[in-house]
PDB file of N, CA and C in Angstrom:
ATOM      1  N   MET A   1      23.525  28.875 -10.701  1.00  0.00           N
ATOM      2  CA  MET A   1      24.392  28.155 -11.602  1.00  0.00           C
ATOM      3  C   MET A   1      23.900  26.713 -11.703  1.00  0.00           C
ATOM      4  N   ILE A   2      23.732  26.221 -12.882  1.00  0.00           N
ATOM      5  CA  ILE A   2      23.245  24.872 -13.114  1.00  0.00           C
ATOM      6  C   ILE A   2      24.434  23.951 -13.324  1.00  0.00           C
ATOM      7  N   ASN A   3      24.443  22.859 -12.531  1.00  0.00           N
ATOM      8  CA  ASN A   3      25.500  21.859 -12.705  1.00  0.00           C
ATOM      9  C   ASN A   3      25.093  20.905 -13.817  1.00  0.00           C
ATOM     10  N   THR A   4      25.989  20.668 -14.710  1.00  0.00           N
ATOM     11  CA  THR A   4      25.740  19.689 -15.758  1.00  0.00           C
ATOM     12  C   THR A   4      26.789  18.597 -15.646  1.00  0.00           C
ATOM     13  N   PHE A   5      26.336  17.380 -15.821  1.00  0.00           N
ATOM     14  CA  PHE A   5      27.227  16.229 -15.755  1.00  0.00           C
ATOM     15  C   PHE A   5      27.223  15.552 -17.112  1.00  0.00           C
ATOM     16  N   ASP A   6      28.356  14.969 -17.453  1.00  0.00           N
ATOM     17  CA  ASP A   6      28.362  14.175 -18.668  1.00  0.00           C
ATOM     18  C   ASP A   6      27.671  12.847 -18.362  1.00  0.00           C
ATOM     19  N   GLU A   7      27.310  12.113 -19.386  1.00  0.00           N
ATOM     20  CA  GLU A   7      26.497  10.915 -19.219  1.00  0.00           C
ATOM     21  C   GLU A   7      27.138   9.850 -18.328  1.00  0.00           C
ATOM     22  N   PRO A   8      28.419   9.499 -18.478  1.00  0.00           N
ATOM     23  CA  PRO A   8      29.007   8.489 -17.585  1.00  0.00           C
ATOM     24  C   PRO A   8      28.979   8.913 -16.114  1.00  0.00           C
ATOM     25  N   THR A   9      29.223  10.189 -15.849  1.00  0.00           N
ATOM     26  CA  THR A   9      29.186  10.664 -14.468  1.00  0.00           C
ATOM     27  C   THR A   9      27.779  10.546 -13.905  1.00  0.00           C
ATOM     28  N   LEU A  10      26.789  10.897 -14.682  1.00  0.00           N
ATOM     29  CA  LEU A  10      25.407  10.814 -14.239  1.00  0.00           C
ATOM     30  C   LEU A  10      25.008   9.369 -13.965  1.00  0.00           C
ATOM     31  N   ILE A  11      25.433   8.451 -14.813  1.00  0.00           N
ATOM     32  CA  ILE A  11      25.133   7.034 -14.605  1.00  0.00           C
ATOM     33  C   ILE A  11      25.794   6.534 -13.326  1.00  0.00           C
ATOM     34  N   MET A  12      27.037   6.918 -13.072  1.00  0.00           N
ATOM     35  CA  MET A  12      27.722   6.508 -11.840  1.00  0.00           C
ATOM     36  C   MET A  12      27.023   7.080 -10.605  1.00  0.00           C
ATOM     37  N   ILE A  13      26.568   8.311 -10.686  1.00  0.00           N
ATOM     38  CA  ILE A  13      25.848   8.916  -9.564  1.00  0.00           C
ATOM     39  C   ILE A  13      24.580   8.127  -9.264  1.00  0.00           C
ATOM     40  N   ILE A  14      23.839   7.752 -10.292  1.00  0.00           N
ATOM     41  CA  ILE A  14      22.607   6.984 -10.100  1.00  0.00           C
ATOM     42  C   ILE A  14      22.910   5.617  -9.507  1.00  0.00           C
ATOM     43  N   ILE A  15      23.963   4.951  -9.979  1.00  0.00           N
ATOM     44  CA  ILE A  15      24.340   3.636  -9.444  1.00  0.00           C
ATOM     45  C   ILE A  15      24.722   3.743  -7.974  1.00  0.00           C
ATOM     46  N   PHE A  16      25.536   4.725  -7.623  1.00  0.00           N
ATOM     47  CA  PHE A  16      25.944   4.882  -6.227  1.00  0.00           C
ATOM     48  C   PHE A  16      24.767   5.270  -5.335  1.00  0.00           C
ATOM     49  N   MET A  17      23.862   6.072  -5.844  1.00  0.00           N
ATOM     50  CA  MET A  17      22.672   6.411  -5.064  1.00  0.00           C
ATOM     51  C   MET A  17      21.832   5.165  -4.810  1.00  0.00           C
ATOM     52  N   GLY A  18      21.726   4.306  -5.805  1.00  0.00           N
ATOM     53  CA  GLY A  18      21.003   3.056  -5.632  1.00  0.00           C
ATOM     54  C   GLY A  18      21.653   2.165  -4.596  1.00  0.00           C
ATOM     55  N   LEU A  19      22.979   2.067  -4.631  1.00  0.00           N
ATOM     56  CA  LEU A  19      23.689   1.254  -3.640  1.00  0.00           C
ATOM     57  C   LEU A  19      23.530   1.811  -2.232  1.00  0.00           C
ATOM     58  N   VAL A  20      23.604   3.121  -2.113  1.00  0.00           N
ATOM     59  CA  VAL A  20      23.489   3.747  -0.795  1.00  0.00           C
ATOM     60  C   VAL A  20      22.119   3.480  -0.186  1.00  0.00           C
ATOM     61  N   THR A  21      21.078   3.418  -0.987  1.00  0.00           N
ATOM     62  CA  THR A  21      19.755   3.131  -0.440  1.00  0.00           C
ATOM     63  C   THR A  21      19.491   1.633  -0.316  1.00  0.00           C
ATOM     64  N   TYR A  22      20.128   0.815  -1.138  1.00  0.00           N
ATOM     65  CA  TYR A  22      19.885  -0.623  -1.107  1.00  0.00           C
ATOM     66  C   TYR A  22      20.622  -1.311   0.040  1.00  0.00           C
ATOM     67  N   ILE A  23      21.850  -0.913   0.297  1.00  0.00           N
ATOM     68  CA  ILE A  23      22.669  -1.580   1.318  1.00  0.00           C
ATOM     69  C   ILE A  23      22.020  -1.532   2.704  1.00  0.00           C
ATOM     70  N   PRO A  24      21.539  -0.402   3.195  1.00  0.00           N
ATOM     71  CA  PRO A  24      20.906  -0.417   4.523  1.00  0.00           C
ATOM     72  C   PRO A  24      19.635  -1.259   4.586  1.00  0.00           C
ATOM     73  N   ARG A  25      19.008  -1.502   3.467  1.00  0.00           N
ATOM     74  CA  ARG A  25      17.807  -2.334   3.468  1.00  0.00           C
ATOM     75  C   ARG A  25      18.136  -3.823   3.506  1.00  0.00           C
ATOM     76  N   VAL A  26      19.184  -4.222   2.804  1.00  0.00           N
ATOM     77  CA  VAL A  26      19.501  -5.641   2.701  1.00  0.00           C
ATOM     78  C   VAL A  26      20.441  -6.105   3.812  1.00  0.00           C
ATOM     79  N   LEU A  27      21.222  -5.206   4.382  1.00  0.00           N
ATOM     80  CA  LEU A  27      22.201  -5.575   5.402  1.00  0.00           C
ATOM     81  C   LEU A  27      21.567  -6.235   6.632  1.00  0.00           C
ATOM     82  N   PRO A  28      20.492  -5.702   7.208  1.00  0.00           N
ATOM     83  CA  PRO A  28      19.889  -6.391   8.352  1.00  0.00           C
ATOM     84  C   PRO A  28      19.356  -7.776   8.000  1.00  0.00           C
ATOM     85  N   ILE A  29      18.853  -7.945   6.798  1.00  0.00           N
ATOM     86  CA  ILE A  29      18.343  -9.255   6.395  1.00  0.00           C
ATOM     87  C   ILE A  29      19.480 -10.265   6.324  1.00  0.00           C
ATOM     88  N   VAL A  30      20.599  -9.859   5.779  1.00  0.00           N
ATOM     89  CA  VAL A  30      21.743 -10.759   5.631  1.00  0.00           C
ATOM     90  C   VAL A  30      22.371 -11.065   6.989  1.00  0.00           C
ATOM     91  N   LEU A  31      22.549 -10.049   7.809  1.00  0.00           N
ATOM     92  CA  LEU A  31      23.245 -10.237   9.080  1.00  0.00           C
ATOM     93  C   LEU A  31      22.377 -10.864  10.163  1.00  0.00           C
ATOM     94  N   LEU A  32      21.074 -10.647  10.115  1.00  0.00           N
ATOM     95  CA  LEU A  32      20.209 -11.089  11.206  1.00  0.00           C
ATOM     96  C   LEU A  32      19.269 -12.225  10.827  1.00  0.00           C
ATOM     97  N   LYS A  33      19.544 -12.930   9.731  1.00  0.00           N
ATOM     98  CA  LYS A  33      18.612 -13.975   9.322  1.00  0.00           C
ATOM     99  C   LYS A  33      18.624 -15.180  10.262  1.00  0.00           C
ATOM    100  N   GLU A  34      19.689 -15.374  11.010  1.00  0.00           N
ATOM    101  CA  GLU A  34      19.773 -16.496  11.944  1.00  0.00           C
ATOM    102  C   GLU A  34      19.258 -16.143  13.337  1.00  0.00           C
ATOM    103  N   VAL A  35      18.996 -14.881  13.590  1.00  0.00           N
ATOM    104  CA  VAL A  35      18.558 -14.443  14.912  1.00  0.00           C
ATOM    105  C   VAL A  35      17.079 -14.780  15.084  1.00  0.00           C
ATOM    106  N   LYS A  36      16.749 -15.432  16.200  1.00  0.00           N
ATOM    107  CA  LYS A  36      15.364 -15.766  16.518  1.00  0.00           C
ATOM    108  C   LYS A  36      14.829 -14.722  17.489  1.00  0.00           C
ATOM    109  N   LEU A  37      13.711 -14.134  17.141  1.00  0.00           N
ATOM    110  CA  LEU A  37      13.105 -13.115  17.981  1.00  0.00           C
ATOM    111  C   LEU A  37      12.028 -13.733  18.861  1.00  0.00           C
ATOM    112  N   SER A  38      11.766 -13.072  19.976  1.00  0.00           N
ATOM    113  CA  SER A  38      10.703 -13.531  20.867  1.00  0.00           C
ATOM    114  C   SER A  38       9.350 -13.289  20.191  1.00  0.00           C
ATOM    115  N   PRO A  39       8.309 -13.970  20.651  1.00  0.00           N
ATOM    116  CA  PRO A  39       6.982 -13.747  20.061  1.00  0.00           C
ATOM    117  C   PRO A  39       6.527 -12.287  20.150  1.00  0.00           C
ATOM    118  N   PHE A  40       6.916 -11.597  21.230  1.00  0.00           N
ATOM    119  CA  PHE A  40       6.555 -10.184  21.359  1.00  0.00           C
ATOM    120  C   PHE A  40       7.136  -9.370  20.215  1.00  0.00           C
ATOM    121  N   TRP A  41       8.431  -9.544  19.947  1.00  0.00           N
ATOM    122  CA  TRP A  41       9.080  -8.762  18.891  1.00  0.00           C
ATOM    123  C   TRP A  41       8.577  -9.162  17.508  1.00  0.00           C
ATOM    124  N   ASN A  42       8.261 -10.442  17.332  1.00  0.00           N
ATOM    125  CA  ASN A  42       7.682 -10.865  16.051  1.00  0.00           C
ATOM    126  C   ASN A  42       6.363 -10.154  15.788  1.00  0.00           C
ATOM    127  N   SER A  43       5.490 -10.133  16.794  1.00  0.00           N
ATOM    128  CA  SER A  43       4.206  -9.454  16.599  1.00  0.00           C
ATOM    129  C   SER A  43       4.399  -7.952  16.469  1.00  0.00           C
ATOM    130  N   PHE A  44       5.366  -7.388  17.200  1.00  0.00           N
ATOM    131  CA  PHE A  44       5.649  -5.956  17.105  1.00  0.00           C
ATOM    132  C   PHE A  44       6.039  -5.584  15.682  1.00  0.00           C
ATOM    133  N   PHE A  45       6.945  -6.352  15.086  1.00  0.00           N
ATOM    134  CA  PHE A  45       7.399  -6.041  13.734  1.00  0.00           C
ATOM    135  C   PHE A  45       6.350  -6.375  12.675  1.00  0.00           C
ATOM    136  N   GLN A  46       5.425  -7.279  12.988  1.00  0.00           N
ATOM    137  CA  GLN A  46       4.347  -7.557  12.042  1.00  0.00           C
ATOM    138  C   GLN A  46       3.353  -6.403  11.981  1.00  0.00           C
ATOM    139  N   TYR A  47       3.096  -5.759  13.123  1.00  0.00           N
ATOM    140  CA  TYR A  47       2.114  -4.671  13.159  1.00  0.00           C
ATOM    141  C   TYR A  47       2.717  -3.307  12.857  1.00  0.00           C
ATOM    142  N   MET A  48       4.009  -3.173  12.891  1.00  0.00           N
ATOM    143  CA  MET A  48       4.655  -1.873  12.689  1.00  0.00           C
ATOM    144  C   MET A  48       4.312  -1.224  11.345  1.00  0.00           C
ATOM    145  N   PRO A  49       4.318  -1.950  10.219  1.00  0.00           N
ATOM    146  CA  PRO A  49       3.962  -1.279   8.956  1.00  0.00           C
ATOM    147  C   PRO A  49       2.546  -0.708   8.971  1.00  0.00           C
ATOM    148  N   TYR A  50       1.606  -1.404   9.607  1.00  0.00           N
ATOM    149  CA  TYR A  50       0.235  -0.911   9.668  1.00  0.00           C
ATOM    150  C   TYR A  50       0.144   0.359  10.503  1.00  0.00           C
ATOM    151  N   CYS A  51       0.869   0.385  11.614  1.00  0.00           N
ATOM    152  CA  CYS A  51       0.853   1.580  12.471  1.00  0.00           C
ATOM    153  C   CYS A  51       1.470   2.777  11.756  1.00  0.00           C
ATOM    154  N   ALA A  52       2.589   2.561  11.122  1.00  0.00           N
ATOM    155  CA  ALA A  52       3.251   3.668  10.421  1.00  0.00           C
ATOM    156  C   ALA A  52       2.392   4.169   9.264  1.00  0.00           C
ATOM    157  N   LEU A  53       1.813   3.260   8.526  1.00  0.00           N
ATOM    158  CA  LEU A  53       0.962   3.647   7.410  1.00  0.00           C
ATOM    159  C   LEU A  53      -0.276   4.398   7.892  1.00  0.00           C
ATOM    160  N   SER A  54      -0.856   3.945   8.986  1.00  0.00           N
ATOM    161  CA  SER A  54      -2.025   4.633   9.543  1.00  0.00           C
ATOM    162  C   SER A  54      -1.679   6.039   9.988  1.00  0.00           C
ATOM    163  N   ALA A  55      -0.543   6.198  10.637  1.00  0.00           N
ATOM    164  CA  ALA A  55      -0.131   7.527  11.101  1.00  0.00           C
ATOM    165  C   ALA A  55       0.137   8.470   9.937  1.00  0.00           C
ATOM    166  N   LEU A  56       0.589   7.944   8.823  1.00  0.00           N
ATOM    167  CA  LEU A  56       0.847   8.788   7.657  1.00  0.00           C
ATOM    168  C   LEU A  56      -0.429   9.129   6.890  1.00  0.00           C
ATOM    169  N   ILE A  57      -1.355   8.192   6.834  1.00  0.00           N
ATOM    170  CA  ILE A  57      -2.528   8.358   5.986  1.00  0.00           C
ATOM    171  C   ILE A  57      -3.686   9.061   6.686  1.00  0.00           C
ATOM    172  N   PHE A  58      -3.963   8.735   7.937  1.00  0.00           N
ATOM    173  CA  PHE A  58      -5.209   9.181   8.563  1.00  0.00           C
ATOM    174  C   PHE A  58      -5.405  10.693   8.583  1.00  0.00           C
ATOM    175  N   PRO A  59      -4.396  11.506   8.901  1.00  0.00           N
ATOM    176  CA  PRO A  59      -4.648  12.959   8.876  1.00  0.00           C
ATOM    177  C   PRO A  59      -5.089  13.469   7.503  1.00  0.00           C
ATOM    178  N   ASN A  60      -4.588  12.878   6.451  1.00  0.00           N
ATOM    179  CA  ASN A  60      -4.970  13.307   5.103  1.00  0.00           C
ATOM    180  C   ASN A  60      -6.346  12.804   4.694  1.00  0.00           C
ATOM    181  N   VAL A  61      -6.821  11.752   5.349  1.00  0.00           N
ATOM    182  CA  VAL A  61      -8.139  11.221   5.023  1.00  0.00           C
ATOM    183  C   VAL A  61      -9.214  12.261   5.302  1.00  0.00           C
ATOM    184  N   LEU A  62      -9.068  12.996   6.379  1.00  0.00           N
ATOM    185  CA  LEU A  62     -10.103  13.951   6.778  1.00  0.00           C
ATOM    186  C   LEU A  62     -10.263  15.096   5.788  1.00  0.00           C
ATOM    187  N   TYR A  63      -9.238  15.379   5.026  1.00  0.00           N
ATOM    188  CA  TYR A  63      -9.295  16.493   4.079  1.00  0.00           C
ATOM    189  C   TYR A  63      -9.202  16.023   2.630  1.00  0.00           C
ATOM    190  N   SER A  64      -9.522  14.765   2.381  1.00  0.00           N
ATOM    191  CA  SER A  64      -9.369  14.211   1.037  1.00  0.00           C
ATOM    192  C   SER A  64     -10.532  14.546   0.111  1.00  0.00           C
ATOM    193  N   THR A  65     -11.653  14.957   0.668  1.00  0.00           N
ATOM    194  CA  THR A  65     -12.810  15.323  -0.149  1.00  0.00           C
ATOM    195  C   THR A  65     -13.245  16.739   0.201  1.00  0.00           C
ATOM    196  N   ASP A  66     -14.246  17.223  -0.521  1.00  0.00           N
ATOM    197  CA  ASP A  66     -14.767  18.558  -0.232  1.00  0.00           C
ATOM    198  C   ASP A  66     -15.465  18.612   1.118  1.00  0.00           C
ATOM    199  N   SER A  67     -16.025  17.489   1.519  1.00  0.00           N
ATOM    200  CA  SER A  67     -16.780  17.424   2.767  1.00  0.00           C
ATOM    201  C   SER A  67     -16.078  16.486   3.739  1.00  0.00           C
ATOM    202  N   MET A  68     -15.824  16.969   4.947  1.00  0.00           N
ATOM    203  CA  MET A  68     -15.193  16.109   5.942  1.00  0.00           C
ATOM    204  C   MET A  68     -16.128  14.968   6.336  1.00  0.00           C
ATOM    205  N   THR A  69     -17.443  15.195   6.244  1.00  0.00           N
ATOM    206  CA  THR A  69     -18.414  14.158   6.585  1.00  0.00           C
ATOM    207  C   THR A  69     -18.292  12.969   5.638  1.00  0.00           C
ATOM    208  N   SER A  70     -18.162  13.222   4.356  1.00  0.00           N
ATOM    209  CA  SER A  70     -18.017  12.109   3.413  1.00  0.00           C
ATOM    210  C   SER A  70     -16.679  11.404   3.593  1.00  0.00           C
ATOM    211  N   ALA A  71     -15.650  12.149   3.955  1.00  0.00           N
ATOM    212  CA  ALA A  71     -14.344  11.531   4.208  1.00  0.00           C
ATOM    213  C   ALA A  71     -14.415  10.615   5.425  1.00  0.00           C
ATOM    214  N   ILE A  72     -15.084  11.067   6.471  1.00  0.00           N
ATOM    215  CA  ILE A  72     -15.243  10.231   7.671  1.00  0.00           C
ATOM    216  C   ILE A  72     -16.090   9.009   7.344  1.00  0.00           C
ATOM    217  N   PHE A  73     -17.125   9.180   6.528  1.00  0.00           N
ATOM    218  CA  PHE A  73     -17.962   8.055   6.110  1.00  0.00           C
ATOM    219  C   PHE A  73     -17.128   7.002   5.381  1.00  0.00           C
ATOM    220  N   GLY A  74     -16.289   7.433   4.458  1.00  0.00           N
ATOM    221  CA  GLY A  74     -15.412   6.501   3.748  1.00  0.00           C
ATOM    222  C   GLY A  74     -14.405   5.842   4.670  1.00  0.00           C
ATOM    223  N   ALA A  75     -13.883   6.598   5.635  1.00  0.00           N
ATOM    224  CA  ALA A  75     -12.928   6.032   6.592  1.00  0.00           C
ATOM    225  C   ALA A  75     -13.594   4.980   7.465  1.00  0.00           C
ATOM    226  N   ILE A  76     -14.835   5.229   7.874  1.00  0.00           N
ATOM    227  CA  ILE A  76     -15.560   4.246   8.692  1.00  0.00           C
ATOM    228  C   ILE A  76     -15.779   2.963   7.905  1.00  0.00           C
ATOM    229  N   ILE A  77     -16.145   3.085   6.648  1.00  0.00           N
ATOM    230  CA  ILE A  77     -16.317   1.891   5.810  1.00  0.00           C
ATOM    231  C   ILE A  77     -14.995   1.137   5.683  1.00  0.00           C
ATOM    232  N   ALA A  78     -13.906   1.859   5.471  1.00  0.00           N
ATOM    233  CA  ALA A  78     -12.594   1.211   5.359  1.00  0.00           C
ATOM    234  C   ALA A  78     -12.218   0.513   6.657  1.00  0.00           C
ATOM    235  N   ILE A  79     -12.490   1.140   7.782  1.00  0.00           N
ATOM    236  CA  ILE A  79     -12.165   0.535   9.079  1.00  0.00           C
ATOM    237  C   ILE A  79     -12.980  -0.730   9.297  1.00  0.00           C
ATOM    238  N   ILE A  80     -14.270  -0.687   8.972  1.00  0.00           N
ATOM    239  CA  ILE A  80     -15.123  -1.872   9.145  1.00  0.00           C
ATOM    240  C   ILE A  80     -14.648  -3.014   8.254  1.00  0.00           C
ATOM    241  N   LEU A  81     -14.364  -2.715   6.992  1.00  0.00           N
ATOM    242  CA  LEU A  81     -13.898  -3.771   6.084  1.00  0.00           C
ATOM    243  C   LEU A  81     -12.540  -4.318   6.508  1.00  0.00           C
ATOM    244  N   ALA A  82     -11.655  -3.449   6.960  1.00  0.00           N
ATOM    245  CA  ALA A  82     -10.338  -3.911   7.410  1.00  0.00           C
ATOM    246  C   ALA A  82     -10.464  -4.744   8.676  1.00  0.00           C
ATOM    247  N   TYR A  83     -11.385  -4.368   9.561  1.00  0.00           N
ATOM    248  CA  TYR A  83     -11.595  -5.135  10.791  1.00  0.00           C
ATOM    249  C   TYR A  83     -12.094  -6.540  10.475  1.00  0.00           C
ATOM    250  N   LYS A  84     -12.877  -6.666   9.410  1.00  0.00           N
ATOM    251  CA  LYS A  84     -13.375  -7.980   8.996  1.00  0.00           C
ATOM    252  C   LYS A  84     -12.336  -8.764   8.203  1.00  0.00           C
ATOM    253  N   ARG A  85     -11.131  -8.200   8.075  1.00  0.00           N
ATOM    254  CA  ARG A  85      -9.995  -8.834   7.401  1.00  0.00           C
ATOM    255  C   ARG A  85     -10.265  -9.115   5.922  1.00  0.00           C
ATOM    256  N   VAL A  86     -10.911  -8.146   5.285  1.00  0.00           N
ATOM    257  CA  VAL A  86     -11.161  -8.226   3.848  1.00  0.00           C
ATOM    258  C   VAL A  86      -9.869  -7.837   3.128  1.00  0.00           C
ATOM    259  N   ASN A  87      -9.703  -8.306   1.923  1.00  0.00           N
ATOM    260  CA  ASN A  87      -8.534  -7.973   1.114  1.00  0.00           C
ATOM    261  C   ASN A  87      -8.386  -6.454   1.014  1.00  0.00           C
ATOM    262  N   VAL A  88      -7.147  -5.972   1.056  1.00  0.00           N
ATOM    263  CA  VAL A  88      -6.886  -4.534   1.092  1.00  0.00           C
ATOM    264  C   VAL A  88      -7.413  -3.818  -0.151  1.00  0.00           C
ATOM    265  N   ILE A  89      -7.411  -4.466  -1.289  1.00  0.00           N
ATOM    266  CA  ILE A  89      -7.947  -3.849  -2.506  1.00  0.00           C
ATOM    267  C   ILE A  89      -9.446  -3.608  -2.358  1.00  0.00           C
ATOM    268  N   ILE A  90     -10.141  -4.563  -1.763  1.00  0.00           N
ATOM    269  CA  ILE A  90     -11.577  -4.406  -1.542  1.00  0.00           C
ATOM    270  C   ILE A  90     -11.840  -3.307  -0.518  1.00  0.00           C
ATOM    271  N   VAL A  91     -10.974  -3.188   0.485  1.00  0.00           N
ATOM    272  CA  VAL A  91     -11.104  -2.104   1.466  1.00  0.00           C
ATOM    273  C   VAL A  91     -10.986  -0.753   0.767  1.00  0.00           C
ATOM    274  N   ILE A  92     -10.018  -0.613  -0.096  1.00  0.00           N
ATOM    275  CA  ILE A  92      -9.810   0.657  -0.809  1.00  0.00           C
ATOM    276  C   ILE A  92     -11.004   0.974  -1.702  1.00  0.00           C
ATOM    277  N   PHE A  93     -11.432  -0.002  -2.497  1.00  0.00           N
ATOM    278  CA  PHE A  93     -12.573   0.243  -3.379  1.00  0.00           C
ATOM    279  C   PHE A  93     -13.859   0.465  -2.587  1.00  0.00           C
ATOM    280  N   GLY A  94     -14.011  -0.227  -1.467  1.00  0.00           N
ATOM    281  CA  GLY A  94     -15.185  -0.013  -0.618  1.00  0.00           C
ATOM    282  C   GLY A  94     -15.236   1.395  -0.064  1.00  0.00           C
ATOM    283  N   ALA A  95     -14.090   1.907   0.372  1.00  0.00           N
ATOM    284  CA  ALA A  95     -14.040   3.275   0.892  1.00  0.00           C
ATOM    285  C   ALA A  95     -14.331   4.285  -0.212  1.00  0.00           C
ATOM    286  N   ILE A  96     -13.771   4.066  -1.389  1.00  0.00           N
ATOM    287  CA  ILE A  96     -14.027   4.975  -2.516  1.00  0.00           C
ATOM    288  C   ILE A  96     -15.503   4.943  -2.899  1.00  0.00           C
ATOM    289  N   LEU A  97     -16.070   3.752  -2.967  1.00  0.00           N
ATOM    290  CA  LEU A  97     -17.488   3.620  -3.295  1.00  0.00           C
ATOM    291  C   LEU A  97     -18.357   4.267  -2.221  1.00  0.00           C
ATOM    292  N   GLY A  98     -17.980   4.097  -0.958  1.00  0.00           N
ATOM    293  CA  GLY A  98     -18.726   4.724   0.132  1.00  0.00           C
ATOM    294  C   GLY A  98     -18.724   6.238   0.036  1.00  0.00           C
ATOM    295  N   VAL A  99     -17.579   6.815  -0.254  1.00  0.00           N
ATOM    296  CA  VAL A  99     -17.493   8.276  -0.415  1.00  0.00           C
ATOM    297  C   VAL A  99     -18.321   8.718  -1.613  1.00  0.00           C
ATOM    298  N   TYR A 100     -18.250   7.974  -2.702  1.00  0.00           N
ATOM    299  CA  TYR A 100     -19.021   8.318  -3.904  1.00  0.00           C
ATOM    300  C   TYR A 100     -20.519   8.295  -3.610  1.00  0.00           C
ATOM    301  N   ILE A 101     -20.975   7.221  -2.969  1.00  0.00           N
ATOM    302  CA  ILE A 101     -22.401   7.110  -2.638  1.00  0.00           C
ATOM    303  C   ILE A 101     -22.817   8.226  -1.689  1.00  0.00           C
ATOM    304  N   PHE A 102     -21.991   8.494  -0.701  1.00  0.00           N
ATOM    305  CA  PHE A 102     -22.338   9.539   0.261  1.00  0.00           C
ATOM    306  C   PHE A 102     -22.423  10.904  -0.413  1.00  0.00           C
ATOM    307  N   GLN A 103     -21.447  11.236  -1.229  1.00  0.00           N
ATOM    308  CA  GLN A 103     -21.429  12.562  -1.856  1.00  0.00           C
ATOM    309  C   GLN A 103     -22.541  12.735  -2.883  1.00  0.00           C
ATOM    310  N   ASN A 104     -22.882  11.675  -3.594  1.00  0.00           N
ATOM    311  CA  ASN A 104     -23.851  11.821  -4.679  1.00  0.00           C
ATOM    312  C   ASN A 104     -25.288  11.517  -4.287  1.00  0.00           C
ATOM    313  N   PHE A 105     -25.495  10.746  -3.227  1.00  0.00           N
ATOM    314  CA  PHE A 105     -26.857  10.357  -2.882  1.00  0.00           C
ATOM    315  C   PHE A 105     -27.238  10.741  -1.457  1.00  0.00           C
ATOM    316  N   LEU A 106     -26.437  10.337  -0.492  1.00  0.00           N
ATOM    317  CA  LEU A 106     -26.813  10.542   0.903  1.00  0.00           C
ATOM    318  C   LEU A 106     -26.700  11.988   1.351  1.00  0.00           C
ATOM    319  N   SER A 107     -25.752  12.737   0.833  1.00  0.00           N
ATOM    320  CA  SER A 107     -25.586  14.119   1.292  1.00  0.00           C
ATOM    321  C   SER A 107     -26.799  14.974   0.930  1.00  0.00           C
ATOM    322  N   SER A 108     -27.432  14.716  -0.217  1.00  0.00           N
ATOM    323  CA  SER A 108     -28.632  15.478  -0.574  1.00  0.00           C
ATOM    324  C   SER A 108     -29.825  15.053   0.277  1.00  0.00           C
ATOM    325  N   ILE A 109     -29.883  13.783   0.638  1.00  0.00           N
ATOM    326  CA  ILE A 109     -30.971  13.308   1.491  1.00  0.00           C
ATOM    327  C   ILE A 109     -30.817  13.863   2.901  1.00  0.00           C
ATOM    328  N   LEU A 110     -29.583  13.849   3.402  1.00  0.00           N
ATOM    329  CA  LEU A 110     -29.327  14.315   4.764  1.00  0.00           C
ATOM    330  C   LEU A 110     -29.125  15.819   4.838  1.00  0.00           C
ATOM    331  N   SER A 111     -29.090  16.491   3.705  1.00  0.00           N
ATOM    332  CA  SER A 111     -28.877  17.951   3.612  1.00  0.00           C
ATOM    333  C   SER A 111     -27.588  18.388   4.286  1.00  0.00           C
ATOM    334  N   LEU A 112     -26.484  17.700   3.944  1.00  0.00           N
ATOM    335  CA  LEU A 112     -25.178  18.054   4.524  1.00  0.00           C
ATOM    336  C   LEU A 112     -24.367  18.843   3.545  1.00  0.00           C
TER     337      LEU A 112
END
């Protein structure tokens, strides 16, 4: 059975869904803006997005191309560029270019 809503009901549902997701995001900022954290917690929260993003992305990196070797090659290039603190856009394009070069030129030379 398909539920159908009239337009005002659908608009209210979308507004309430937006509020339900927005409030938990803004509430800690409003309530905790005066709280001073220790240097440990500051550094912990600064690195947390990178750790979470790495845990989500890295397993998929290995299977992102037809060849796991080219995927690892691109990941190594991305790691080197990120370690040198290059802009994230350049890291992404560098990894893509590395995979492209590996798949089109180096794989035939190395017979992989």
